[in-house]
Amino acid sequence: MTVSDFFSANWLYMGVGILAVGITGALYVRTEGGRRRKDQLVLKIPLIGTAALKGALARFARNMGMLVGAGVSLFEALRLIGDTTDNIVIAESVARIRKGVSDGQLLSQAIAAEEVFPDLMGEMVGVGEETGSLEAGLLKIAGFYEEEADRAVAQVTGMLTPALTIGVGFLVGFIAVVQFSSIYSIASSFPE
């Protein structure tokens, strides 16, 4: 009942506070530093970050494969992909890869130098470069990471279901305890 009284007395202040925090957070995320921090945080969240990274890697490889296959130069393809990537951390890595390629590195070497990109991706791109089938190699990489992203998303949703069930159970239990404690306190106040 004390919790209920507190919320009843301060609902306006709490609503304004939540609204202010939400607006401030939304404005901060629109800045470059805020967007970078948000994207870094998303990539560090244990299961969600893995799914997001694998999805981004699949898009990178698929787009690179299609652009290279269409005859777009490697340098221009990297610029286009960097401009269209929605995660600023990955976009910055693509920009560094582009700079490495412009400095004379192989694409596989530039990818291997980036922390965001796994070693396997650099090795697979290297195989595609050595065999002269970079486009086919990139499309195989895209297929691999698409499957990995699907598995990661399935794992996230599989873990969310029990967590949500437990959360709803606690909420229902809390409401029941609050209701019954109110009824018992009212009943105990009546004289016998």
N, C-alpha and C. Protein backbone atom coordinates (compact mmCIF):
# COMPACT_ATOMS: atom_id res chain seq x y z
N MET A 1 0.83 -1.19 0.00
CA MET A 1 0.00 0.00 0.00
C MET A 1 0.87 1.25 0.00
N THR A 2 2.03 1.18 0.67
CA THR A 2 2.93 2.33 0.68
C THR A 2 3.46 2.62 -0.72
N VAL A 3 3.79 1.56 -1.45
CA VAL A 3 4.25 1.73 -2.83
C VAL A 3 3.16 2.35 -3.68
N SER A 4 1.94 1.87 -3.49
CA SER A 4 0.81 2.42 -4.24
C SER A 4 0.59 3.89 -3.90
N ASP A 5 0.69 4.23 -2.62
CA ASP A 5 0.53 5.63 -2.21
C ASP A 5 1.63 6.51 -2.81
N PHE A 6 2.86 5.98 -2.84
CA PHE A 6 3.96 6.75 -3.42
C PHE A 6 3.72 7.04 -4.90
N PHE A 7 3.32 6.00 -5.65
CA PHE A 7 3.07 6.19 -7.07
C PHE A 7 1.88 7.11 -7.31
N SER A 8 0.86 7.00 -6.48
CA SER A 8 -0.32 7.87 -6.63
C SER A 8 0.04 9.33 -6.37
N ALA A 9 0.89 9.58 -5.39
CA ALA A 9 1.23 10.95 -5.04
C ALA A 9 2.24 11.57 -6.00
N ASN A 10 3.07 10.77 -6.64
CA ASN A 10 4.16 11.30 -7.46
C ASN A 10 4.09 10.90 -8.93
N TRP A 11 2.94 10.51 -9.42
CA TRP A 11 2.85 10.01 -10.79
C TRP A 11 3.21 11.08 -11.81
N LEU A 12 2.87 12.30 -11.54
CA LEU A 12 3.18 13.37 -12.50
C LEU A 12 4.69 13.61 -12.59
N TYR A 13 5.36 13.67 -11.43
CA TYR A 13 6.81 13.88 -11.43
C TYR A 13 7.54 12.72 -12.09
N MET A 14 7.07 11.52 -11.82
CA MET A 14 7.70 10.34 -12.41
C MET A 14 7.48 10.32 -13.93
N GLY A 15 6.30 10.67 -14.37
CA GLY A 15 6.02 10.72 -15.81
C GLY A 15 6.88 11.75 -16.52
N VAL A 16 6.99 12.94 -15.91
CA VAL A 16 7.82 13.99 -16.50
C VAL A 16 9.29 13.56 -16.51
N GLY A 17 9.75 12.92 -15.45
CA GLY A 17 11.13 12.44 -15.38
C GLY A 17 11.42 11.40 -16.45
N ILE A 18 10.52 10.45 -16.61
CA ILE A 18 10.71 9.41 -17.63
C ILE A 18 10.70 10.02 -19.02
N LEU A 19 9.80 10.97 -19.25
CA LEU A 19 9.73 11.65 -20.54
C LEU A 19 11.01 12.44 -20.81
N ALA A 20 11.52 13.13 -19.80
CA ALA A 20 12.75 13.91 -19.96
C ALA A 20 13.94 13.01 -20.27
N VAL A 21 14.04 11.90 -19.56
CA VAL A 21 15.14 10.96 -19.81
C VAL A 21 15.02 10.39 -21.22
N GLY A 22 13.82 10.05 -21.65
CA GLY A 22 13.61 9.51 -23.00
C GLY A 22 13.98 10.51 -24.08
N ILE A 23 13.55 11.75 -23.93
CA ILE A 23 13.87 12.78 -24.92
C ILE A 23 15.37 13.05 -24.95
N THR A 24 15.98 13.15 -23.76
CA THR A 24 17.43 13.39 -23.70
C THR A 24 18.19 12.25 -24.36
N GLY A 25 17.79 11.03 -24.08
CA GLY A 25 18.44 9.87 -24.70
C GLY A 25 18.28 9.86 -26.22
N ALA A 26 17.08 10.19 -26.70
CA ALA A 26 16.85 10.22 -28.14
C ALA A 26 17.69 11.30 -28.81
N LEU A 27 17.80 12.46 -28.17
CA LEU A 27 18.63 13.54 -28.74
C LEU A 27 20.11 13.17 -28.70
N TYR A 28 20.54 12.50 -27.65
CA TYR A 28 21.94 12.09 -27.55
C TYR A 28 22.30 11.07 -28.62
N VAL A 29 21.41 10.13 -28.89
CA VAL A 29 21.66 9.09 -29.88
C VAL A 29 21.74 9.69 -31.29
N ARG A 30 21.16 10.87 -31.49
CA ARG A 30 21.24 11.51 -32.81
C ARG A 30 22.59 12.18 -33.06
N THR A 31 23.36 12.42 -32.00
CA THR A 31 24.69 12.98 -32.19
C THR A 31 25.63 11.87 -32.64
N GLU A 32 26.76 12.25 -33.23
CA GLU A 32 27.69 11.23 -33.73
C GLU A 32 28.28 10.40 -32.59
N GLY A 33 28.65 11.05 -31.49
CA GLY A 33 29.20 10.32 -30.35
C GLY A 33 28.17 9.41 -29.71
N GLY A 34 26.93 9.88 -29.62
CA GLY A 34 25.87 9.06 -29.05
C GLY A 34 25.56 7.87 -29.92
N ARG A 35 25.55 8.08 -31.22
CA ARG A 35 25.28 6.98 -32.14
C ARG A 35 26.39 5.94 -32.06
N ARG A 36 27.65 6.40 -31.97
CA ARG A 36 28.78 5.47 -31.86
C ARG A 36 28.66 4.65 -30.57
N ARG A 37 28.35 5.32 -29.46
CA ARG A 37 28.21 4.59 -28.18
C ARG A 37 27.07 3.58 -28.24
N LYS A 38 25.95 3.98 -28.85
CA LYS A 38 24.81 3.06 -28.98
C LYS A 38 25.19 1.85 -29.82
N ASP A 39 25.86 2.10 -30.96
CA ASP A 39 26.24 0.99 -31.83
C ASP A 39 27.28 0.09 -31.17
N GLN A 40 28.21 0.67 -30.41
CA GLN A 40 29.18 -0.15 -29.67
C GLN A 40 28.47 -1.00 -28.63
N LEU A 41 27.51 -0.40 -27.95
CA LEU A 41 26.75 -1.13 -26.93
C LEU A 41 25.97 -2.28 -27.54
N VAL A 42 25.33 -2.02 -28.68
CA VAL A 42 24.56 -3.07 -29.35
C VAL A 42 25.46 -4.25 -29.70
N LEU A 43 26.66 -3.97 -30.18
CA LEU A 43 27.57 -5.05 -30.56
C LEU A 43 28.14 -5.80 -29.35
N LYS A 44 28.10 -5.19 -28.15
CA LYS A 44 28.64 -5.83 -26.95
C LYS A 44 27.60 -6.62 -26.17
N ILE A 45 26.32 -6.43 -26.45
CA ILE A 45 25.28 -7.18 -25.74
C ILE A 45 25.45 -8.66 -26.12
N PRO A 46 25.54 -9.55 -25.13
CA PRO A 46 25.94 -10.93 -25.42
C PRO A 46 25.26 -11.62 -26.60
N LEU A 47 23.98 -11.81 -26.61
CA LEU A 47 23.35 -12.55 -27.70
C LEU A 47 22.91 -11.64 -28.83
N ILE A 48 22.39 -10.49 -28.49
CA ILE A 48 21.88 -9.56 -29.50
C ILE A 48 23.03 -9.01 -30.34
N GLY A 49 24.16 -8.71 -29.71
CA GLY A 49 25.31 -8.20 -30.44
C GLY A 49 25.84 -9.20 -31.45
N THR A 50 25.85 -10.47 -31.09
CA THR A 50 26.31 -11.51 -32.01
C THR A 50 25.41 -11.58 -33.23
N ALA A 51 24.09 -11.53 -32.99
CA ALA A 51 23.14 -11.58 -34.11
C ALA A 51 23.29 -10.35 -34.99
N ALA A 52 23.44 -9.17 -34.38
CA ALA A 52 23.58 -7.94 -35.16
C ALA A 52 24.87 -7.94 -35.97
N LEU A 53 25.97 -8.40 -35.37
CA LEU A 53 27.25 -8.43 -36.08
C LEU A 53 27.21 -9.40 -37.26
N LYS A 54 26.66 -10.58 -37.03
CA LYS A 54 26.61 -11.57 -38.11
C LYS A 54 25.71 -11.10 -39.25
N GLY A 55 24.62 -10.42 -38.91
CA GLY A 55 23.77 -9.85 -39.95
C GLY A 55 24.49 -8.78 -40.74
N ALA A 56 25.25 -7.94 -40.04
CA ALA A 56 26.01 -6.88 -40.72
C ALA A 56 27.10 -7.48 -41.61
N LEU A 57 27.76 -8.52 -41.14
CA LEU A 57 28.79 -9.18 -41.94
C LEU A 57 28.19 -9.82 -43.19
N ALA A 58 27.02 -10.41 -43.04
CA ALA A 58 26.34 -11.01 -44.19
C ALA A 58 25.99 -9.94 -45.22
N ARG A 59 25.46 -8.80 -44.76
CA ARG A 59 25.13 -7.71 -45.69
C ARG A 59 26.38 -7.16 -46.38
N PHE A 60 27.46 -7.01 -45.60
CA PHE A 60 28.72 -6.53 -46.16
C PHE A 60 29.19 -7.45 -47.28
N ALA A 61 29.25 -8.74 -47.00
CA ALA A 61 29.75 -9.70 -47.99
C ALA A 61 28.82 -9.79 -49.19
N ARG A 62 27.52 -9.79 -48.96
CA ARG A 62 26.56 -9.89 -50.07
C ARG A 62 26.67 -8.65 -50.97
N ASN A 63 26.69 -7.48 -50.37
CA ASN A 63 26.78 -6.25 -51.17
C ASN A 63 28.12 -6.16 -51.90
N MET A 64 29.21 -6.53 -51.23
CA MET A 64 30.52 -6.51 -51.89
C MET A 64 30.53 -7.48 -53.06
N GLY A 65 29.99 -8.67 -52.87
CA GLY A 65 29.97 -9.67 -53.94
C GLY A 65 29.17 -9.18 -55.14
N MET A 66 28.01 -8.59 -54.87
CA MET A 66 27.18 -8.10 -55.98
C MET A 66 27.84 -6.92 -56.69
N LEU A 67 28.44 -6.00 -55.93
CA LEU A 67 29.06 -4.84 -56.55
C LEU A 67 30.30 -5.24 -57.36
N VAL A 68 31.13 -6.11 -56.80
CA VAL A 68 32.32 -6.57 -57.52
C VAL A 68 31.90 -7.35 -58.76
N GLY A 69 30.86 -8.16 -58.63
CA GLY A 69 30.35 -8.92 -59.78
C GLY A 69 29.78 -8.04 -60.87
N ALA A 70 29.27 -6.87 -60.48
CA ALA A 70 28.70 -5.94 -61.46
C ALA A 70 29.77 -5.07 -62.11
N GLY A 71 31.02 -5.26 -61.71
CA GLY A 71 32.10 -4.52 -62.33
C GLY A 71 32.49 -3.23 -61.61
N VAL A 72 31.95 -2.99 -60.44
CA VAL A 72 32.31 -1.81 -59.66
C VAL A 72 33.69 -2.05 -59.06
N SER A 73 34.53 -1.03 -59.06
CA SER A 73 35.87 -1.19 -58.51
C SER A 73 35.78 -1.46 -57.01
N LEU A 74 36.79 -2.14 -56.51
CA LEU A 74 36.82 -2.48 -55.08
C LEU A 74 36.78 -1.24 -54.21
N PHE A 75 37.51 -0.23 -54.60
CA PHE A 75 37.57 1.02 -53.84
C PHE A 75 36.19 1.69 -53.80
N GLU A 76 35.51 1.74 -54.93
CA GLU A 76 34.19 2.37 -54.99
C GLU A 76 33.15 1.52 -54.25
N ALA A 77 33.25 0.21 -54.36
CA ALA A 77 32.33 -0.69 -53.66
C ALA A 77 32.43 -0.49 -52.15
N LEU A 78 33.66 -0.37 -51.65
CA LEU A 78 33.84 -0.13 -50.21
C LEU A 78 33.27 1.21 -49.79
N ARG A 79 33.39 2.23 -50.65
CA ARG A 79 32.82 3.54 -50.33
C ARG A 79 31.30 3.45 -50.24
N LEU A 80 30.69 2.77 -51.21
CA LEU A 80 29.23 2.64 -51.22
C LEU A 80 28.74 1.86 -49.99
N ILE A 81 29.43 0.80 -49.66
CA ILE A 81 29.02 0.00 -48.50
C ILE A 81 29.20 0.78 -47.21
N GLY A 82 30.30 1.51 -47.09
CA GLY A 82 30.53 2.33 -45.90
C GLY A 82 29.47 3.40 -45.74
N ASP A 83 29.02 3.97 -46.86
CA ASP A 83 28.00 5.02 -46.80
C ASP A 83 26.62 4.48 -46.43
N THR A 84 26.36 3.22 -46.74
CA THR A 84 25.02 2.67 -46.50
C THR A 84 24.93 1.79 -45.25
N THR A 85 26.03 1.58 -44.55
CA THR A 85 26.01 0.76 -43.34
C THR A 85 25.34 1.54 -42.21
N ASP A 86 24.42 0.89 -41.52
CA ASP A 86 23.68 1.59 -40.46
C ASP A 86 24.39 1.59 -39.12
N ASN A 87 25.39 0.75 -38.94
CA ASN A 87 26.15 0.72 -37.69
C ASN A 87 27.43 1.51 -37.88
N ILE A 88 27.61 2.58 -37.13
CA ILE A 88 28.75 3.48 -37.33
C ILE A 88 30.08 2.81 -37.02
N VAL A 89 30.10 1.85 -36.10
CA VAL A 89 31.35 1.13 -35.78
C VAL A 89 31.80 0.32 -37.00
N ILE A 90 30.88 -0.35 -37.64
CA ILE A 90 31.21 -1.13 -38.83
C ILE A 90 31.54 -0.20 -39.99
N ALA A 91 30.83 0.91 -40.11
CA ALA A 91 31.11 1.87 -41.18
C ALA A 91 32.52 2.43 -41.04
N GLU A 92 32.95 2.70 -39.81
CA GLU A 92 34.32 3.18 -39.61
C GLU A 92 35.35 2.10 -39.97
N SER A 93 35.03 0.85 -39.67
CA SER A 93 35.93 -0.26 -40.06
C SER A 93 36.02 -0.37 -41.57
N VAL A 94 34.88 -0.22 -42.24
CA VAL A 94 34.87 -0.29 -43.71
C VAL A 94 35.70 0.87 -44.29
N ALA A 95 35.62 2.04 -43.66
CA ALA A 95 36.43 3.18 -44.12
C ALA A 95 37.92 2.89 -43.96
N ARG A 96 38.29 2.23 -42.85
CA ARG A 96 39.70 1.87 -42.67
C ARG A 96 40.14 0.79 -43.66
N ILE A 97 39.24 -0.13 -43.96
CA ILE A 97 39.53 -1.16 -44.98
C ILE A 97 39.75 -0.48 -46.33
N ARG A 98 38.90 0.47 -46.64
CA ARG A 98 39.02 1.21 -47.90
C ARG A 98 40.37 1.93 -47.98
N LYS A 99 40.76 2.53 -46.88
CA LYS A 99 42.06 3.23 -46.85
C LYS A 99 43.20 2.23 -47.04
N GLY A 100 43.09 1.06 -46.39
CA GLY A 100 44.12 0.03 -46.55
C GLY A 100 44.22 -0.44 -47.98
N VAL A 101 43.07 -0.63 -48.64
CA VAL A 101 43.07 -1.05 -50.04
C VAL A 101 43.68 0.04 -50.91
N SER A 102 43.37 1.30 -50.61
CA SER A 102 43.95 2.39 -51.41
C SER A 102 45.46 2.51 -51.18
N ASP A 103 45.94 2.05 -50.02
CA ASP A 103 47.37 2.07 -49.73
C ASP A 103 48.11 0.86 -50.32
N GLY A 104 47.37 -0.03 -50.98
CA GLY A 104 48.00 -1.16 -51.66
C GLY A 104 47.82 -2.51 -50.98
N GLN A 105 47.09 -2.58 -49.88
CA GLN A 105 46.86 -3.87 -49.23
C GLN A 105 45.84 -4.67 -50.03
N LEU A 106 45.91 -5.97 -49.89
CA LEU A 106 44.84 -6.82 -50.40
C LEU A 106 43.61 -6.64 -49.53
N LEU A 107 42.44 -6.91 -50.09
CA LEU A 107 41.20 -6.78 -49.32
C LEU A 107 41.25 -7.69 -48.10
N SER A 108 41.76 -8.90 -48.27
CA SER A 108 41.82 -9.84 -47.15
C SER A 108 42.73 -9.32 -46.03
N GLN A 109 43.84 -8.68 -46.39
CA GLN A 109 44.74 -8.11 -45.38
C GLN A 109 44.08 -6.96 -44.64
N ALA A 110 43.37 -6.12 -45.38
CA ALA A 110 42.71 -4.98 -44.75
C ALA A 110 41.59 -5.44 -43.82
N ILE A 111 40.88 -6.49 -44.23
CA ILE A 111 39.80 -7.03 -43.38
C ILE A 111 40.39 -7.68 -42.14
N ALA A 112 41.49 -8.42 -42.31
CA ALA A 112 42.12 -9.10 -41.17
C ALA A 112 42.65 -8.10 -40.14
N ALA A 113 42.97 -6.89 -40.57
CA ALA A 113 43.49 -5.88 -39.64
C ALA A 113 42.40 -5.26 -38.77
N GLU A 114 41.14 -5.49 -39.13
CA GLU A 114 40.03 -4.88 -38.38
C GLU A 114 39.54 -5.83 -37.30
N GLU A 115 39.34 -5.28 -36.10
CA GLU A 115 38.89 -6.07 -34.97
C GLU A 115 37.45 -6.54 -35.12
N VAL A 116 36.62 -5.72 -35.75
CA VAL A 116 35.19 -6.03 -35.86
C VAL A 116 34.98 -7.26 -36.74
N PHE A 117 35.80 -7.40 -37.76
CA PHE A 117 35.63 -8.51 -38.69
C PHE A 117 36.38 -9.74 -38.15
N PRO A 118 35.72 -10.90 -38.12
CA PRO A 118 36.39 -12.10 -37.61
C PRO A 118 37.50 -12.57 -38.55
N ASP A 119 38.45 -13.31 -37.99
CA ASP A 119 39.59 -13.82 -38.76
C ASP A 119 39.13 -14.70 -39.91
N LEU A 120 38.06 -15.47 -39.68
CA LEU A 120 37.56 -16.37 -40.70
C LEU A 120 37.17 -15.61 -41.97
N MET A 121 36.61 -14.44 -41.80
CA MET A 121 36.19 -13.66 -42.97
C MET A 121 37.40 -13.23 -43.80
N GLY A 122 38.44 -12.77 -43.12
CA GLY A 122 39.66 -12.39 -43.84
C GLY A 122 40.26 -13.56 -44.59
N GLU A 123 40.26 -14.73 -43.95
CA GLU A 123 40.82 -15.92 -44.59
C GLU A 123 40.01 -16.35 -45.80
N MET A 124 38.69 -16.29 -45.68
CA MET A 124 37.82 -16.70 -46.79
C MET A 124 37.94 -15.72 -47.96
N VAL A 125 38.05 -14.42 -47.66
CA VAL A 125 38.26 -13.43 -48.72
C VAL A 125 39.61 -13.68 -49.38
N GLY A 126 40.61 -14.02 -48.57
CA GLY A 126 41.93 -14.33 -49.12
C GLY A 126 41.91 -15.49 -50.09
N VAL A 127 41.14 -16.52 -49.77
CA VAL A 127 41.00 -17.67 -50.68
C VAL A 127 40.36 -17.22 -51.98
N GLY A 128 39.32 -16.37 -51.88
CA GLY A 128 38.67 -15.86 -53.08
C GLY A 128 39.61 -15.02 -53.93
N GLU A 129 40.47 -14.25 -53.29
CA GLU A 129 41.44 -13.44 -54.04
C GLU A 129 42.48 -14.32 -54.73
N GLU A 130 42.95 -15.35 -54.03
CA GLU A 130 43.98 -16.21 -54.59
C GLU A 130 43.47 -17.02 -55.77
N THR A 131 42.22 -17.45 -55.71
CA THR A 131 41.65 -18.27 -56.78
C THR A 131 41.09 -17.42 -57.91
N GLY A 132 41.05 -16.11 -57.73
CA GLY A 132 40.52 -15.23 -58.77
C GLY A 132 39.01 -15.19 -58.83
N SER A 133 38.36 -15.68 -57.79
CA SER A 133 36.89 -15.67 -57.76
C SER A 133 36.42 -14.94 -56.50
N LEU A 134 36.77 -13.67 -56.41
CA LEU A 134 36.41 -12.88 -55.23
C LEU A 134 34.90 -12.78 -55.08
N GLU A 135 34.20 -12.56 -56.21
CA GLU A 135 32.74 -12.43 -56.16
C GLU A 135 32.10 -13.69 -55.58
N ALA A 136 32.47 -14.84 -56.10
CA ALA A 136 31.89 -16.11 -55.62
C ALA A 136 32.26 -16.33 -54.16
N GLY A 137 33.48 -16.00 -53.78
CA GLY A 137 33.89 -16.16 -52.39
C GLY A 137 33.09 -15.27 -51.45
N LEU A 138 32.88 -14.03 -51.87
CA LEU A 138 32.10 -13.11 -51.04
C LEU A 138 30.66 -13.58 -50.90
N LEU A 139 30.09 -14.10 -51.97
CA LEU A 139 28.70 -14.58 -51.90
C LEU A 139 28.59 -15.83 -51.02
N LYS A 140 29.63 -16.69 -51.03
CA LYS A 140 29.63 -17.84 -50.11
C LYS A 140 29.74 -17.39 -48.66
N ILE A 141 30.59 -16.38 -48.45
CA ILE A 141 30.71 -15.81 -47.09
C ILE A 141 29.37 -15.25 -46.65
N ALA A 142 28.68 -14.55 -47.56
CA ALA A 142 27.38 -13.97 -47.23
C ALA A 142 26.39 -15.06 -46.84
N GLY A 143 26.37 -16.15 -47.60
CA GLY A 143 25.47 -17.25 -47.27
C GLY A 143 25.77 -17.85 -45.90
N PHE A 144 27.06 -18.01 -45.62
CA PHE A 144 27.48 -18.56 -44.33
C PHE A 144 27.03 -17.67 -43.19
N TYR A 145 27.29 -16.35 -43.29
CA TYR A 145 26.93 -15.44 -42.21
C TYR A 145 25.42 -15.21 -42.11
N GLU A 146 24.71 -15.36 -43.21
CA GLU A 146 23.24 -15.28 -43.14
C GLU A 146 22.69 -16.44 -42.32
N GLU A 147 23.23 -17.64 -42.54
CA GLU A 147 22.81 -18.79 -41.74
C GLU A 147 23.18 -18.60 -40.27
N GLU A 148 24.38 -18.09 -40.03
CA GLU A 148 24.82 -17.84 -38.65
C GLU A 148 23.92 -16.79 -37.98
N ALA A 149 23.56 -15.76 -38.72
CA ALA A 149 22.68 -14.71 -38.17
C ALA A 149 21.31 -15.29 -37.84
N ASP A 150 20.79 -16.15 -38.72
CA ASP A 150 19.50 -16.79 -38.45
C ASP A 150 19.56 -17.64 -37.19
N ARG A 151 20.67 -18.38 -37.02
CA ARG A 151 20.82 -19.19 -35.81
C ARG A 151 20.90 -18.31 -34.57
N ALA A 152 21.64 -17.21 -34.68
CA ALA A 152 21.78 -16.31 -33.53
C ALA A 152 20.44 -15.68 -33.16
N VAL A 153 19.64 -15.30 -34.16
CA VAL A 153 18.32 -14.72 -33.89
C VAL A 153 17.41 -15.77 -33.26
N ALA A 154 17.47 -17.01 -33.76
CA ALA A 154 16.67 -18.09 -33.17
C ALA A 154 17.08 -18.33 -31.72
N GLN A 155 18.37 -18.23 -31.42
CA GLN A 155 18.85 -18.41 -30.05
C GLN A 155 18.34 -17.28 -29.15
N VAL A 156 18.35 -16.05 -29.66
CA VAL A 156 17.87 -14.91 -28.87
C VAL A 156 16.39 -15.08 -28.58
N THR A 157 15.60 -15.39 -29.60
CA THR A 157 14.16 -15.55 -29.38
C THR A 157 13.86 -16.75 -28.49
N GLY A 158 14.68 -17.81 -28.63
CA GLY A 158 14.49 -18.98 -27.76
C GLY A 158 14.76 -18.67 -26.30
N MET A 159 15.69 -17.77 -26.03
CA MET A 159 15.98 -17.41 -24.65
C MET A 159 15.02 -16.34 -24.12
N LEU A 160 14.44 -15.55 -25.01
CA LEU A 160 13.51 -14.52 -24.56
C LEU A 160 12.18 -15.11 -24.07
N THR A 161 11.75 -16.20 -24.68
CA THR A 161 10.47 -16.78 -24.32
C THR A 161 10.41 -17.18 -22.84
N PRO A 162 11.37 -17.95 -22.31
CA PRO A 162 11.30 -18.27 -20.88
C PRO A 162 11.46 -17.03 -19.99
N ALA A 163 12.32 -16.10 -20.42
CA ALA A 163 12.52 -14.90 -19.61
C ALA A 163 11.24 -14.08 -19.52
N LEU A 164 10.54 -13.95 -20.63
CA LEU A 164 9.28 -13.21 -20.62
C LEU A 164 8.22 -13.94 -19.79
N THR A 165 8.19 -15.26 -19.89
CA THR A 165 7.24 -16.04 -19.09
C THR A 165 7.49 -15.84 -17.60
N ILE A 166 8.74 -15.89 -17.18
CA ILE A 166 9.08 -15.68 -15.77
C ILE A 166 8.74 -14.25 -15.36
N GLY A 167 9.05 -13.28 -16.23
CA GLY A 167 8.75 -11.88 -15.92
C GLY A 167 7.26 -11.64 -15.73
N VAL A 168 6.45 -12.21 -16.63
CA VAL A 168 4.99 -12.06 -16.50
C VAL A 168 4.50 -12.76 -15.24
N GLY A 169 5.09 -13.90 -14.92
CA GLY A 169 4.70 -14.61 -13.69
C GLY A 169 4.99 -13.78 -12.45
N PHE A 170 6.17 -13.14 -12.39
CA PHE A 170 6.50 -12.27 -11.26
C PHE A 170 5.54 -11.08 -11.19
N LEU A 171 5.20 -10.50 -12.33
CA LEU A 171 4.29 -9.35 -12.34
C LEU A 171 2.91 -9.75 -11.83
N VAL A 172 2.40 -10.87 -12.30
CA VAL A 172 1.09 -11.35 -11.83
C VAL A 172 1.15 -11.67 -10.34
N GLY A 173 2.23 -12.30 -9.90
CA GLY A 173 2.38 -12.60 -8.47
C GLY A 173 2.44 -11.34 -7.63
N PHE A 174 3.17 -10.33 -8.10
CA PHE A 174 3.26 -9.06 -7.37
C PHE A 174 1.90 -8.41 -7.25
N ILE A 175 1.14 -8.39 -8.35
CA ILE A 175 -0.20 -7.79 -8.31
C ILE A 175 -1.10 -8.57 -7.35
N ALA A 176 -1.01 -9.89 -7.37
CA ALA A 176 -1.83 -10.70 -6.47
C ALA A 176 -1.48 -10.43 -5.01
N VAL A 177 -0.19 -10.35 -4.70
CA VAL A 177 0.23 -10.08 -3.32
C VAL A 177 -0.26 -8.71 -2.87
N VAL A 178 -0.13 -7.72 -3.75
CA VAL A 178 -0.59 -6.37 -3.39
C VAL A 178 -2.09 -6.37 -3.14
N GLN A 179 -2.85 -7.03 -3.99
CA GLN A 179 -4.30 -7.06 -3.82
C GLN A 179 -4.70 -7.78 -2.53
N PHE A 180 -4.11 -8.97 -2.30
CA PHE A 180 -4.50 -9.72 -1.10
C PHE A 180 -4.02 -9.05 0.18
N SER A 181 -2.86 -8.41 0.15
CA SER A 181 -2.41 -7.72 1.35
C SER A 181 -3.32 -6.55 1.67
N SER A 182 -3.83 -5.88 0.65
CA SER A 182 -4.79 -4.79 0.88
C SER A 182 -6.08 -5.32 1.49
N ILE A 183 -6.54 -6.44 0.95
CA ILE A 183 -7.79 -7.03 1.48
C ILE A 183 -7.61 -7.46 2.93
N TYR A 184 -6.47 -8.11 3.25
CA TYR A 184 -6.24 -8.56 4.62
C TYR A 184 -6.08 -7.37 5.57
N SER A 185 -5.43 -6.30 5.13
CA SER A 185 -5.27 -5.15 6.01
C SER A 185 -6.62 -4.47 6.28
N ILE A 186 -7.49 -4.44 5.27
CA ILE A 186 -8.81 -3.85 5.47
C ILE A 186 -9.64 -4.74 6.37
N ALA A 187 -9.57 -6.07 6.13
CA ALA A 187 -10.35 -7.00 6.95
C ALA A 187 -9.89 -7.00 8.41
N SER A 188 -8.60 -6.82 8.64
CA SER A 188 -8.10 -6.84 10.02
C SER A 188 -8.46 -5.56 10.77
N SER A 189 -8.84 -4.52 10.06
CA SER A 189 -9.19 -3.26 10.73
C SER A 189 -10.61 -3.27 11.29
N PHE A 190 -11.43 -4.22 10.84
CA PHE A 190 -12.80 -4.31 11.38
C PHE A 190 -12.78 -4.97 12.75
N PRO A 191 -13.59 -4.45 13.67
CA PRO A 191 -13.66 -5.11 15.00
C PRO A 191 -14.41 -6.45 14.89
N GLU A 192 -14.03 -7.36 15.76
CA GLU A 192 -14.67 -8.68 15.73
C GLU A 192 -15.88 -8.74 16.57
